Amino acid sequence: MSARDLRGARVTVYCAGSARVAQDYVDGASELAQTLVDAGAVLVFGGGKTGLMGHIATEVIQRGGKASGVMPQFLKDIEMDHPLVDDFTFVQTMAERKAGLLAHTEALIALPGGCGTLEELAEAITLKRLGQYLKPVVIVNQNGFYDDLLRQLKRMVDEEFMNPEHLDLWTVVDHPRDAVAAITSTSDLSPDILHRAAVKA
């Protein structure tokens, strides 16, 4: 398998909007920003100016890269949109935002985040299981942040709520700097995954 070329490709990053996360997570987002710029990828993100979300966009832009935001109008109305980003898609609902974050993207990366990040990641995994999103999904388990989630997903397989092959719907890395390499070395999923989505008797 040849390495995936990300030059000009849109890569979505899910991450926290909280401005109070530990510096280690901020530094990790900076490293991810650099690897995205080095790869020539376009950052697609939730459009916010705070927390890891705002930080990674700032870092990408200041390092000479491109960022594209997707944000509901009601958040723009309270001036939550990132001031340095000039490529914005404004939508009406959070559901439309999630759809916009996945549209025409080459991969997605989930950094540590809150319930919004968790919801976005869960929907992306579900869509991949159903063959509606075939690109790499990378979970960044920095500082063991997603250990409990990964155990829960494994339990879903162990107790047959999911098939064993569904554990291959995502790739786990321990640090943001490794996410882009995971994307370039991961193949797209076959569309016939839909026929194996259900756990049959």
N, C-alpha and C. Protein backbone atom coordinates (compact mmCIF):
# COMPACT_ATOMS: atom_id res chain seq x y z
N MET A 1 0.84 -1.20 0.00
CA MET A 1 0.00 0.00 0.00
C MET A 1 0.88 1.25 0.00
N SER A 2 0.64 2.16 -0.93
CA SER A 2 1.39 3.41 -0.97
C SER A 2 0.86 4.37 0.08
N ALA A 3 1.75 5.25 0.56
CA ALA A 3 1.35 6.20 1.59
C ALA A 3 0.33 7.19 1.04
N ARG A 4 -0.61 7.55 1.87
CA ARG A 4 -1.65 8.52 1.50
C ARG A 4 -1.02 9.91 1.38
N ASP A 5 -1.27 10.58 0.28
CA ASP A 5 -0.75 11.93 0.07
C ASP A 5 -1.78 12.94 0.59
N LEU A 6 -1.39 13.74 1.56
CA LEU A 6 -2.32 14.69 2.17
C LEU A 6 -2.17 16.11 1.64
N ARG A 7 -1.36 16.32 0.62
CA ARG A 7 -1.20 17.67 0.09
C ARG A 7 -2.52 18.19 -0.48
N GLY A 8 -3.03 19.25 0.13
CA GLY A 8 -4.30 19.83 -0.28
C GLY A 8 -5.52 19.11 0.26
N ALA A 9 -5.31 18.02 0.99
CA ALA A 9 -6.43 17.25 1.53
C ALA A 9 -6.99 17.90 2.79
N ARG A 10 -8.28 17.74 2.99
CA ARG A 10 -8.95 18.27 4.17
C ARG A 10 -8.93 17.22 5.28
N VAL A 11 -8.40 17.58 6.43
CA VAL A 11 -8.32 16.67 7.57
C VAL A 11 -9.06 17.31 8.74
N THR A 12 -10.08 16.64 9.23
CA THR A 12 -10.88 17.16 10.33
C THR A 12 -10.24 16.83 11.67
N VAL A 13 -10.25 17.79 12.57
CA VAL A 13 -9.77 17.57 13.94
C VAL A 13 -10.89 17.93 14.90
N TYR A 14 -11.30 16.94 15.71
CA TYR A 14 -12.23 17.17 16.81
C TYR A 14 -11.41 17.45 18.06
N CYS A 15 -11.78 18.47 18.83
CA CYS A 15 -11.03 18.76 20.04
C CYS A 15 -11.81 19.71 20.94
N ALA A 16 -11.25 19.98 22.10
CA ALA A 16 -11.94 20.73 23.15
C ALA A 16 -12.03 22.22 22.86
N GLY A 17 -13.13 22.81 23.30
CA GLY A 17 -13.28 24.25 23.27
C GLY A 17 -12.93 24.88 24.61
N SER A 18 -12.62 24.05 25.60
CA SER A 18 -12.30 24.56 26.93
C SER A 18 -10.96 25.28 26.94
N ALA A 19 -10.93 26.44 27.57
CA ALA A 19 -9.70 27.23 27.66
C ALA A 19 -8.90 26.89 28.92
N ARG A 20 -9.31 25.85 29.65
CA ARG A 20 -8.65 25.55 30.93
C ARG A 20 -7.95 24.20 30.93
N VAL A 21 -7.72 23.62 29.77
CA VAL A 21 -7.06 22.31 29.74
C VAL A 21 -5.58 22.46 30.05
N ALA A 22 -4.95 21.36 30.45
CA ALA A 22 -3.54 21.37 30.83
C ALA A 22 -2.65 21.75 29.65
N GLN A 23 -1.53 22.36 29.96
CA GLN A 23 -0.60 22.83 28.93
C GLN A 23 -0.11 21.70 28.04
N ASP A 24 -0.01 20.51 28.59
CA ASP A 24 0.45 19.36 27.81
C ASP A 24 -0.44 19.13 26.59
N TYR A 25 -1.75 19.31 26.76
CA TYR A 25 -2.67 19.13 25.64
C TYR A 25 -2.53 20.27 24.62
N VAL A 26 -2.26 21.46 25.12
CA VAL A 26 -2.04 22.60 24.23
C VAL A 26 -0.78 22.37 23.40
N ASP A 27 0.28 21.91 24.06
CA ASP A 27 1.53 21.64 23.34
C ASP A 27 1.33 20.54 22.29
N GLY A 28 0.54 19.53 22.65
CA GLY A 28 0.26 18.46 21.70
C GLY A 28 -0.48 18.96 20.48
N ALA A 29 -1.43 19.87 20.70
CA ALA A 29 -2.16 20.45 19.57
C ALA A 29 -1.21 21.24 18.66
N SER A 30 -0.24 21.91 19.26
CA SER A 30 0.76 22.63 18.46
C SER A 30 1.56 21.68 17.59
N GLU A 31 1.93 20.54 18.15
CA GLU A 31 2.70 19.56 17.38
C GLU A 31 1.87 18.98 16.25
N LEU A 32 0.59 18.73 16.51
CA LEU A 32 -0.29 18.25 15.45
C LEU A 32 -0.41 19.31 14.35
N ALA A 33 -0.54 20.56 14.75
CA ALA A 33 -0.62 21.64 13.76
C ALA A 33 0.59 21.62 12.84
N GLN A 34 1.77 21.44 13.41
CA GLN A 34 2.98 21.43 12.59
C GLN A 34 2.99 20.26 11.63
N THR A 35 2.57 19.08 12.08
CA THR A 35 2.57 17.92 11.18
C THR A 35 1.54 18.08 10.07
N LEU A 36 0.41 18.71 10.36
CA LEU A 36 -0.58 18.98 9.32
C LEU A 36 -0.01 19.94 8.27
N VAL A 37 0.65 20.99 8.74
CA VAL A 37 1.26 21.95 7.81
C VAL A 37 2.35 21.28 6.98
N ASP A 38 3.19 20.49 7.64
CA ASP A 38 4.27 19.80 6.92
C ASP A 38 3.72 18.87 5.84
N ALA A 39 2.56 18.27 6.11
CA ALA A 39 1.95 17.35 5.15
C ALA A 39 1.20 18.08 4.04
N GLY A 40 1.00 19.39 4.22
CA GLY A 40 0.26 20.17 3.23
C GLY A 40 -1.25 20.01 3.34
N ALA A 41 -1.72 19.51 4.49
CA ALA A 41 -3.15 19.29 4.68
C ALA A 41 -3.86 20.57 5.11
N VAL A 42 -5.14 20.62 4.84
CA VAL A 42 -6.00 21.72 5.29
C VAL A 42 -6.72 21.28 6.55
N LEU A 43 -6.58 22.04 7.62
CA LEU A 43 -7.30 21.75 8.86
C LEU A 43 -8.78 22.10 8.71
N VAL A 44 -9.64 21.15 9.03
CA VAL A 44 -11.08 21.40 9.12
C VAL A 44 -11.45 21.25 10.59
N PHE A 45 -12.10 22.25 11.16
CA PHE A 45 -12.39 22.23 12.59
C PHE A 45 -13.70 22.94 12.86
N GLY A 46 -14.10 22.93 14.12
CA GLY A 46 -15.40 23.47 14.50
C GLY A 46 -15.52 24.97 14.47
N GLY A 47 -14.44 25.68 14.13
CA GLY A 47 -14.52 27.11 13.90
C GLY A 47 -14.36 28.00 15.12
N GLY A 48 -14.27 27.40 16.31
CA GLY A 48 -14.21 28.19 17.53
C GLY A 48 -12.85 28.83 17.77
N LYS A 49 -12.87 29.88 18.61
CA LYS A 49 -11.63 30.61 18.88
C LYS A 49 -11.03 30.26 20.24
N THR A 50 -11.69 29.40 21.03
CA THR A 50 -11.21 29.09 22.37
C THR A 50 -10.68 27.67 22.45
N GLY A 51 -9.93 27.40 23.51
CA GLY A 51 -9.46 26.06 23.81
C GLY A 51 -8.54 25.48 22.75
N LEU A 52 -8.46 24.14 22.73
CA LEU A 52 -7.63 23.48 21.73
C LEU A 52 -8.11 23.79 20.32
N MET A 53 -9.43 23.96 20.18
CA MET A 53 -10.01 24.26 18.87
C MET A 53 -9.42 25.54 18.30
N GLY A 54 -9.45 26.59 19.09
CA GLY A 54 -8.89 27.85 18.63
C GLY A 54 -7.39 27.81 18.50
N HIS A 55 -6.74 27.10 19.43
CA HIS A 55 -5.28 27.06 19.44
C HIS A 55 -4.73 26.37 18.19
N ILE A 56 -5.30 25.22 17.83
CA ILE A 56 -4.74 24.50 16.69
C ILE A 56 -4.94 25.28 15.40
N ALA A 57 -6.07 25.98 15.28
CA ALA A 57 -6.29 26.79 14.08
C ALA A 57 -5.28 27.94 14.01
N THR A 58 -5.06 28.60 15.13
CA THR A 58 -4.08 29.68 15.17
C THR A 58 -2.70 29.17 14.78
N GLU A 59 -2.33 28.02 15.36
CA GLU A 59 -1.01 27.46 15.08
C GLU A 59 -0.86 27.09 13.60
N VAL A 60 -1.87 26.48 13.02
CA VAL A 60 -1.81 26.11 11.60
C VAL A 60 -1.63 27.35 10.74
N ILE A 61 -2.43 28.37 11.00
CA ILE A 61 -2.37 29.59 10.19
C ILE A 61 -1.04 30.31 10.36
N GLN A 62 -0.57 30.43 11.60
CA GLN A 62 0.69 31.13 11.84
C GLN A 62 1.90 30.38 11.30
N ARG A 63 1.74 29.08 11.09
CA ARG A 63 2.83 28.27 10.51
C ARG A 63 2.72 28.17 8.99
N GLY A 64 1.80 28.94 8.42
CA GLY A 64 1.68 29.00 6.97
C GLY A 64 0.70 28.03 6.35
N GLY A 65 -0.11 27.36 7.19
CA GLY A 65 -1.09 26.42 6.69
C GLY A 65 -2.46 27.04 6.51
N LYS A 66 -3.42 26.19 6.15
CA LYS A 66 -4.78 26.64 5.90
C LYS A 66 -5.75 25.97 6.87
N ALA A 67 -6.76 26.74 7.28
CA ALA A 67 -7.79 26.22 8.19
C ALA A 67 -9.17 26.58 7.67
N SER A 68 -10.09 25.65 7.81
CA SER A 68 -11.47 25.85 7.37
C SER A 68 -12.41 25.53 8.52
N GLY A 69 -13.27 26.48 8.88
CA GLY A 69 -14.17 26.31 10.01
C GLY A 69 -15.59 25.98 9.60
N VAL A 70 -16.26 25.18 10.42
CA VAL A 70 -17.68 24.87 10.23
C VAL A 70 -18.38 25.19 11.55
N MET A 71 -19.33 26.12 11.52
CA MET A 71 -19.91 26.61 12.77
C MET A 71 -21.38 26.96 12.59
N PRO A 72 -22.21 26.63 13.57
CA PRO A 72 -23.60 27.09 13.53
C PRO A 72 -23.69 28.61 13.66
N GLN A 73 -24.65 29.19 13.00
CA GLN A 73 -24.83 30.63 13.01
C GLN A 73 -25.02 31.16 14.42
N PHE A 74 -25.70 30.38 15.28
CA PHE A 74 -25.97 30.90 16.63
C PHE A 74 -24.70 31.07 17.45
N LEU A 75 -23.63 30.33 17.13
CA LEU A 75 -22.36 30.54 17.80
C LEU A 75 -21.62 31.75 17.22
N LYS A 76 -21.75 31.94 15.93
CA LYS A 76 -21.17 33.15 15.32
C LYS A 76 -21.83 34.40 15.90
N ASP A 77 -23.13 34.30 16.15
CA ASP A 77 -23.88 35.46 16.66
C ASP A 77 -23.36 35.94 18.01
N ILE A 78 -22.72 35.05 18.77
CA ILE A 78 -22.14 35.48 20.05
C ILE A 78 -20.61 35.58 19.94
N GLU A 79 -20.14 35.74 18.71
CA GLU A 79 -18.73 36.01 18.40
C GLU A 79 -17.79 34.91 18.89
N MET A 80 -18.19 33.67 18.64
CA MET A 80 -17.34 32.54 18.99
C MET A 80 -16.44 32.10 17.83
N ASP A 81 -16.63 32.70 16.64
CA ASP A 81 -15.86 32.28 15.47
C ASP A 81 -14.42 32.78 15.55
N HIS A 82 -13.51 31.99 15.02
CA HIS A 82 -12.08 32.29 15.07
C HIS A 82 -11.76 33.48 14.17
N PRO A 83 -11.13 34.53 14.70
CA PRO A 83 -10.92 35.76 13.91
C PRO A 83 -9.88 35.63 12.80
N LEU A 84 -9.00 34.64 12.86
CA LEU A 84 -7.96 34.50 11.84
C LEU A 84 -8.37 33.62 10.67
N VAL A 85 -9.50 32.94 10.82
CA VAL A 85 -9.95 32.01 9.77
C VAL A 85 -10.85 32.74 8.79
N ASP A 86 -10.50 32.70 7.51
CA ASP A 86 -11.34 33.38 6.51
C ASP A 86 -12.13 32.41 5.64
N ASP A 87 -11.93 31.11 5.86
CA ASP A 87 -12.69 30.09 5.13
C ASP A 87 -13.69 29.46 6.09
N PHE A 88 -14.91 29.96 6.06
CA PHE A 88 -15.94 29.51 7.00
C PHE A 88 -17.17 29.00 6.26
N THR A 89 -17.77 27.96 6.81
CA THR A 89 -19.10 27.53 6.40
C THR A 89 -20.00 27.67 7.62
N PHE A 90 -21.01 28.51 7.52
CA PHE A 90 -21.95 28.69 8.63
C PHE A 90 -23.23 27.91 8.34
N VAL A 91 -23.65 27.14 9.33
CA VAL A 91 -24.81 26.27 9.18
C VAL A 91 -25.83 26.63 10.26
N GLN A 92 -26.96 25.95 10.24
CA GLN A 92 -28.03 26.29 11.18
C GLN A 92 -28.02 25.44 12.45
N THR A 93 -27.60 24.19 12.34
CA THR A 93 -27.72 23.28 13.48
C THR A 93 -26.40 22.57 13.77
N MET A 94 -26.32 21.98 14.97
CA MET A 94 -25.14 21.19 15.32
C MET A 94 -25.04 19.95 14.44
N ALA A 95 -26.19 19.38 14.05
CA ALA A 95 -26.17 18.21 13.16
C ALA A 95 -25.56 18.57 11.82
N GLU A 96 -25.90 19.76 11.31
CA GLU A 96 -25.32 20.20 10.04
C GLU A 96 -23.82 20.47 10.20
N ARG A 97 -23.44 20.93 11.37
CA ARG A 97 -22.01 21.15 11.61
C ARG A 97 -21.25 19.83 11.54
N LYS A 98 -21.79 18.79 12.21
CA LYS A 98 -21.12 17.49 12.19
C LYS A 98 -21.00 16.96 10.77
N ALA A 99 -22.06 17.12 10.00
CA ALA A 99 -22.01 16.67 8.60
C ALA A 99 -20.97 17.45 7.82
N GLY A 100 -20.90 18.75 8.06
CA GLY A 100 -19.93 19.59 7.37
C GLY A 100 -18.50 19.26 7.73
N LEU A 101 -18.29 18.84 8.97
CA LEU A 101 -16.94 18.49 9.40
C LEU A 101 -16.43 17.22 8.72
N LEU A 102 -17.33 16.39 8.25
CA LEU A 102 -16.93 15.15 7.59
C LEU A 102 -16.94 15.23 6.07
N ALA A 103 -17.66 16.20 5.52
CA ALA A 103 -17.85 16.27 4.07
C ALA A 103 -16.51 16.50 3.35
N HIS A 104 -16.23 15.66 2.38
CA HIS A 104 -15.06 15.83 1.50
C HIS A 104 -13.74 15.87 2.28
N THR A 105 -13.68 15.12 3.38
CA THR A 105 -12.43 15.07 4.15
C THR A 105 -11.70 13.77 3.87
N GLU A 106 -10.40 13.80 4.06
CA GLU A 106 -9.56 12.64 3.80
C GLU A 106 -9.33 11.80 5.05
N ALA A 107 -9.62 12.37 6.21
CA ALA A 107 -9.43 11.67 7.48
C ALA A 107 -9.95 12.54 8.60
N LEU A 108 -10.07 11.92 9.79
CA LEU A 108 -10.41 12.73 10.97
C LEU A 108 -9.56 12.27 12.14
N ILE A 109 -9.29 13.23 13.01
CA ILE A 109 -8.48 13.02 14.20
C ILE A 109 -9.26 13.51 15.40
N ALA A 110 -9.34 12.70 16.45
CA ALA A 110 -9.99 13.11 17.69
C ALA A 110 -8.93 13.33 18.76
N LEU A 111 -8.69 14.58 19.10
CA LEU A 111 -7.86 14.92 20.25
C LEU A 111 -8.71 14.80 21.51
N PRO A 112 -8.10 14.85 22.69
CA PRO A 112 -8.90 14.90 23.91
C PRO A 112 -9.89 16.07 23.88
N GLY A 113 -11.08 15.82 24.39
CA GLY A 113 -12.12 16.84 24.38
C GLY A 113 -13.25 16.48 25.31
N GLY A 114 -14.30 17.29 25.27
CA GLY A 114 -15.46 17.09 26.13
C GLY A 114 -16.56 16.31 25.44
N CYS A 115 -17.80 16.55 25.90
CA CYS A 115 -18.92 15.76 25.39
C CYS A 115 -19.18 16.03 23.91
N GLY A 116 -18.88 17.23 23.44
CA GLY A 116 -19.05 17.52 22.02
C GLY A 116 -18.11 16.69 21.17
N THR A 117 -16.85 16.61 21.60
CA THR A 117 -15.87 15.78 20.90
C THR A 117 -16.29 14.32 20.93
N LEU A 118 -16.76 13.87 22.09
CA LEU A 118 -17.19 12.47 22.23
C LEU A 118 -18.36 12.16 21.30
N GLU A 119 -19.32 13.08 21.23
CA GLU A 119 -20.47 12.88 20.34
C GLU A 119 -20.03 12.81 18.89
N GLU A 120 -19.16 13.71 18.49
CA GLU A 120 -18.67 13.74 17.10
C GLU A 120 -17.94 12.44 16.76
N LEU A 121 -17.10 11.99 17.68
CA LEU A 121 -16.34 10.77 17.44
C LEU A 121 -17.26 9.56 17.35
N ALA A 122 -18.23 9.47 18.26
CA ALA A 122 -19.15 8.33 18.25
C ALA A 122 -19.95 8.29 16.95
N GLU A 123 -20.38 9.45 16.47
CA GLU A 123 -21.13 9.47 15.21
C GLU A 123 -20.24 9.06 14.04
N ALA A 124 -19.00 9.51 14.04
CA ALA A 124 -18.09 9.15 12.95
C ALA A 124 -17.83 7.65 12.92
N ILE A 125 -17.65 7.05 14.09
CA ILE A 125 -17.44 5.60 14.16
C ILE A 125 -18.68 4.87 13.67
N THR A 126 -19.86 5.35 14.06
CA THR A 126 -21.11 4.74 13.61
C THR A 126 -21.25 4.83 12.09
N LEU A 127 -20.96 6.00 11.54
CA LEU A 127 -21.05 6.17 10.09
C LEU A 127 -20.06 5.27 9.37
N LYS A 128 -18.89 5.10 9.95
CA LYS A 128 -17.90 4.21 9.33
C LYS A 128 -18.37 2.76 9.38
N ARG A 129 -18.94 2.37 10.49
CA ARG A 129 -19.49 1.01 10.63
C ARG A 129 -20.56 0.75 9.57
N LEU A 130 -21.31 1.79 9.22
CA LEU A 130 -22.39 1.66 8.24
C LEU A 130 -21.94 1.96 6.81
N GLY A 131 -20.64 2.14 6.62
CA GLY A 131 -20.12 2.37 5.28
C GLY A 131 -20.39 3.75 4.72
N GLN A 132 -20.74 4.71 5.59
CA GLN A 132 -21.05 6.06 5.14
C GLN A 132 -19.87 7.01 5.26
N TYR A 133 -18.82 6.58 5.95
CA TYR A 133 -17.56 7.33 6.01
C TYR A 133 -16.46 6.29 6.00
N LEU A 134 -15.62 6.31 4.99
CA LEU A 134 -14.66 5.23 4.76
C LEU A 134 -13.22 5.62 5.06
N LYS A 135 -13.00 6.85 5.49
CA LYS A 135 -11.65 7.37 5.68
C LYS A 135 -11.11 7.02 7.08
N PRO A 136 -9.79 7.19 7.28
CA PRO A 136 -9.22 6.88 8.59
C PRO A 136 -9.80 7.73 9.72
N VAL A 137 -10.00 7.09 10.86
CA VAL A 137 -10.42 7.75 12.10
C VAL A 137 -9.32 7.49 13.12
N VAL A 138 -8.68 8.54 13.58
CA VAL A 138 -7.55 8.40 14.50
C VAL A 138 -7.92 8.99 15.86
N ILE A 139 -7.82 8.17 16.89
CA ILE A 139 -8.08 8.60 18.26
C ILE A 139 -6.74 8.86 18.93
N VAL A 140 -6.53 10.08 19.41
CA VAL A 140 -5.29 10.44 20.08
C VAL A 140 -5.48 10.24 21.58
N ASN A 141 -4.89 9.17 22.09
CA ASN A 141 -5.06 8.79 23.49
C ASN A 141 -3.95 9.39 24.35
N GLN A 142 -3.79 10.69 24.23
CA GLN A 142 -2.73 11.39 24.97
C GLN A 142 -2.96 11.29 26.47
N ASN A 143 -1.92 10.92 27.20
CA ASN A 143 -2.00 10.77 28.66
C ASN A 143 -3.07 9.76 29.07
N GLY A 144 -3.38 8.80 28.20
CA GLY A 144 -4.40 7.81 28.52
C GLY A 144 -5.80 8.38 28.60
N PHE A 145 -6.01 9.55 27.96
CA PHE A 145 -7.29 10.25 28.08
C PHE A 145 -8.47 9.37 27.68
N TYR A 146 -8.30 8.58 26.64
CA TYR A 146 -9.41 7.77 26.12
C TYR A 146 -9.35 6.31 26.58
N ASP A 147 -8.56 6.01 27.59
CA ASP A 147 -8.46 4.62 28.06
C ASP A 147 -9.83 4.03 28.39
N ASP A 148 -10.63 4.77 29.14
CA ASP A 148 -11.94 4.24 29.55
C ASP A 148 -12.86 4.05 28.34
N LEU A 149 -12.83 4.99 27.40
CA LEU A 149 -13.65 4.85 26.20
C LEU A 149 -13.22 3.62 25.40
N LEU A 150 -11.93 3.42 25.25
CA LEU A 150 -11.45 2.27 24.49
C LEU A 150 -11.80 0.96 25.18
N ARG A 151 -11.77 0.95 26.50
CA ARG A 151 -12.21 -0.25 27.23
C ARG A 151 -13.70 -0.50 27.01
N GLN A 152 -14.50 0.58 27.00
CA GLN A 152 -15.93 0.42 26.77
C GLN A 152 -16.20 -0.12 25.36
N LEU A 153 -15.49 0.39 24.37
CA LEU A 153 -15.66 -0.11 23.01
C LEU A 153 -15.28 -1.58 22.92
N LYS A 154 -14.20 -1.97 23.61
CA LYS A 154 -13.80 -3.38 23.63
C LYS A 154 -14.87 -4.22 24.32
N ARG A 155 -15.48 -3.70 25.37
CA ARG A 155 -16.55 -4.44 26.05
C ARG A 155 -17.74 -4.64 25.12
N MET A 156 -18.04 -3.64 24.30
CA MET A 156 -19.14 -3.78 23.34
C MET A 156 -18.90 -4.96 22.41
N VAL A 157 -17.64 -5.17 22.04
CA VAL A 157 -17.30 -6.33 21.21
C VAL A 157 -17.36 -7.61 22.03
N ASP A 158 -16.77 -7.58 23.22
CA ASP A 158 -16.74 -8.78 24.06
C ASP A 158 -18.14 -9.29 24.38
N GLU A 159 -19.08 -8.36 24.56
CA GLU A 159 -20.46 -8.75 24.89
C GLU A 159 -21.36 -8.77 23.66
N GLU A 160 -20.73 -8.73 22.49
CA GLU A 160 -21.37 -8.95 21.19
C GLU A 160 -22.43 -7.91 20.82
N PHE A 161 -22.19 -6.68 21.24
CA PHE A 161 -22.97 -5.56 20.72
C PHE A 161 -22.36 -5.05 19.41
N MET A 162 -21.10 -5.40 19.20
CA MET A 162 -20.39 -5.09 17.96
C MET A 162 -19.61 -6.31 17.53
N ASN A 163 -19.25 -6.37 16.25
CA ASN A 163 -18.42 -7.46 15.74
C ASN A 163 -16.95 -7.20 16.03
N PRO A 164 -16.13 -8.25 16.19
CA PRO A 164 -14.70 -8.04 16.44
C PRO A 164 -14.02 -7.15 15.39
N GLU A 165 -14.42 -7.27 14.13
CA GLU A 165 -13.78 -6.45 13.10
C GLU A 165 -14.06 -4.96 13.27
N HIS A 166 -15.07 -4.62 14.06
CA HIS A 166 -15.38 -3.21 14.27
C HIS A 166 -14.30 -2.50 15.09
N LEU A 167 -13.45 -3.28 15.77
CA LEU A 167 -12.33 -2.66 16.47
C LEU A 167 -11.32 -2.06 15.49
N ASP A 168 -11.45 -2.40 14.21
CA ASP A 168 -10.56 -1.85 13.18
C ASP A 168 -11.12 -0.57 12.56
N LEU A 169 -12.23 -0.08 13.08
CA LEU A 169 -12.83 1.14 12.52
C LEU A 169 -12.02 2.38 12.89
N TRP A 170 -11.17 2.27 13.88
CA TRP A 170 -10.37 3.40 14.32
C TRP A 170 -8.94 2.94 14.57
N THR A 171 -8.03 3.92 14.59
CA THR A 171 -6.63 3.70 14.92
C THR A 171 -6.31 4.55 16.14
N VAL A 172 -5.55 4.00 17.06
CA VAL A 172 -5.19 4.73 18.29
C VAL A 172 -3.71 5.07 18.27
N VAL A 173 -3.40 6.32 18.57
CA VAL A 173 -2.01 6.75 18.78
C VAL A 173 -1.92 7.42 20.15
N ASP A 174 -0.72 7.47 20.68
CA ASP A 174 -0.54 8.00 22.03
C ASP A 174 -0.23 9.48 22.08
N HIS A 175 0.10 10.07 20.94
CA HIS A 175 0.48 11.48 20.95
C HIS A 175 0.02 12.15 19.66
N PRO A 176 -0.38 13.42 19.75
CA PRO A 176 -0.84 14.12 18.54
C PRO A 176 0.16 14.12 17.40
N ARG A 177 1.45 14.13 17.71
CA ARG A 177 2.46 14.19 16.65
C ARG A 177 2.43 12.94 15.75
N ASP A 178 1.81 11.87 16.24
CA ASP A 178 1.78 10.61 15.49
C ASP A 178 0.52 10.43 14.66
N ALA A 179 -0.42 11.36 14.75
CA ALA A 179 -1.72 11.18 14.10
C ALA A 179 -1.62 11.21 12.58
N VAL A 180 -0.86 12.15 12.04
CA VAL A 180 -0.76 12.27 10.59
C VAL A 180 -0.10 11.03 9.99
N ALA A 181 0.93 10.51 10.65
CA ALA A 181 1.58 9.29 10.17
C ALA A 181 0.60 8.12 10.16
N ALA A 182 -0.27 8.06 11.17
CA ALA A 182 -1.28 7.00 11.21
C ALA A 182 -2.24 7.12 10.04
N ILE A 183 -2.60 8.34 9.68
CA ILE A 183 -3.49 8.56 8.54
C ILE A 183 -2.84 8.09 7.25
N THR A 184 -1.60 8.50 7.03
CA THR A 184 -0.95 8.20 5.76
C THR A 184 -0.70 6.71 5.58
N SER A 185 -0.68 5.95 6.67
CA SER A 185 -0.41 4.51 6.57
C SER A 185 -1.68 3.66 6.69
N THR A 186 -2.85 4.30 6.70
CA THR A 186 -4.12 3.58 6.85
C THR A 186 -4.92 3.65 5.55
N SER A 187 -5.42 2.50 5.12
CA SER A 187 -6.23 2.43 3.90
C SER A 187 -7.67 2.82 4.19
N ASP A 188 -8.36 3.26 3.14
CA ASP A 188 -9.80 3.48 3.25
C ASP A 188 -10.50 2.15 3.50
N LEU A 189 -11.62 2.22 4.19
CA LEU A 189 -12.43 1.03 4.44
C LEU A 189 -13.19 0.65 3.17
N SER A 190 -13.46 -0.63 3.00
CA SER A 190 -14.25 -1.08 1.86
C SER A 190 -15.72 -0.75 2.08
N PRO A 191 -16.43 -0.27 1.06
CA PRO A 191 -17.86 0.06 1.21
C PRO A 191 -18.72 -1.12 1.64
N ASP A 192 -18.23 -2.35 1.42
CA ASP A 192 -19.06 -3.50 1.78
C ASP A 192 -19.12 -3.74 3.28
N ILE A 193 -18.48 -2.87 4.07
CA ILE A 193 -18.59 -2.97 5.53
C ILE A 193 -20.05 -2.91 5.96
N LEU A 194 -20.88 -2.23 5.19
CA LEU A 194 -22.30 -2.13 5.54
C LEU A 194 -22.93 -3.50 5.71
N HIS A 195 -22.53 -4.46 4.90
CA HIS A 195 -23.13 -5.79 4.95
C HIS A 195 -22.66 -6.59 6.16
N ARG A 196 -21.68 -6.03 6.87
CA ARG A 196 -21.18 -6.70 8.09
C ARG A 196 -21.42 -5.84 9.32
N ALA A 197 -22.27 -4.83 9.19
CA ALA A 197 -22.50 -3.90 10.29
C ALA A 197 -23.25 -4.55 11.44
N ALA A 198 -24.23 -5.38 11.12
CA ALA A 198 -25.06 -5.99 12.16
C ALA A 198 -24.35 -7.17 12.80
N VAL A 199 -24.63 -7.38 14.08
CA VAL A 199 -24.16 -8.57 14.79
C VAL A 199 -25.25 -9.62 14.66
N LYS A 200 -25.00 -10.61 13.81
CA LYS A 200 -26.05 -11.58 13.48
C LYS A 200 -26.01 -12.79 14.40
N ALA A 201 -27.16 -13.41 14.56
CA ALA A 201 -27.28 -14.60 15.42
C ALA A 201 -26.52 -15.77 14.80
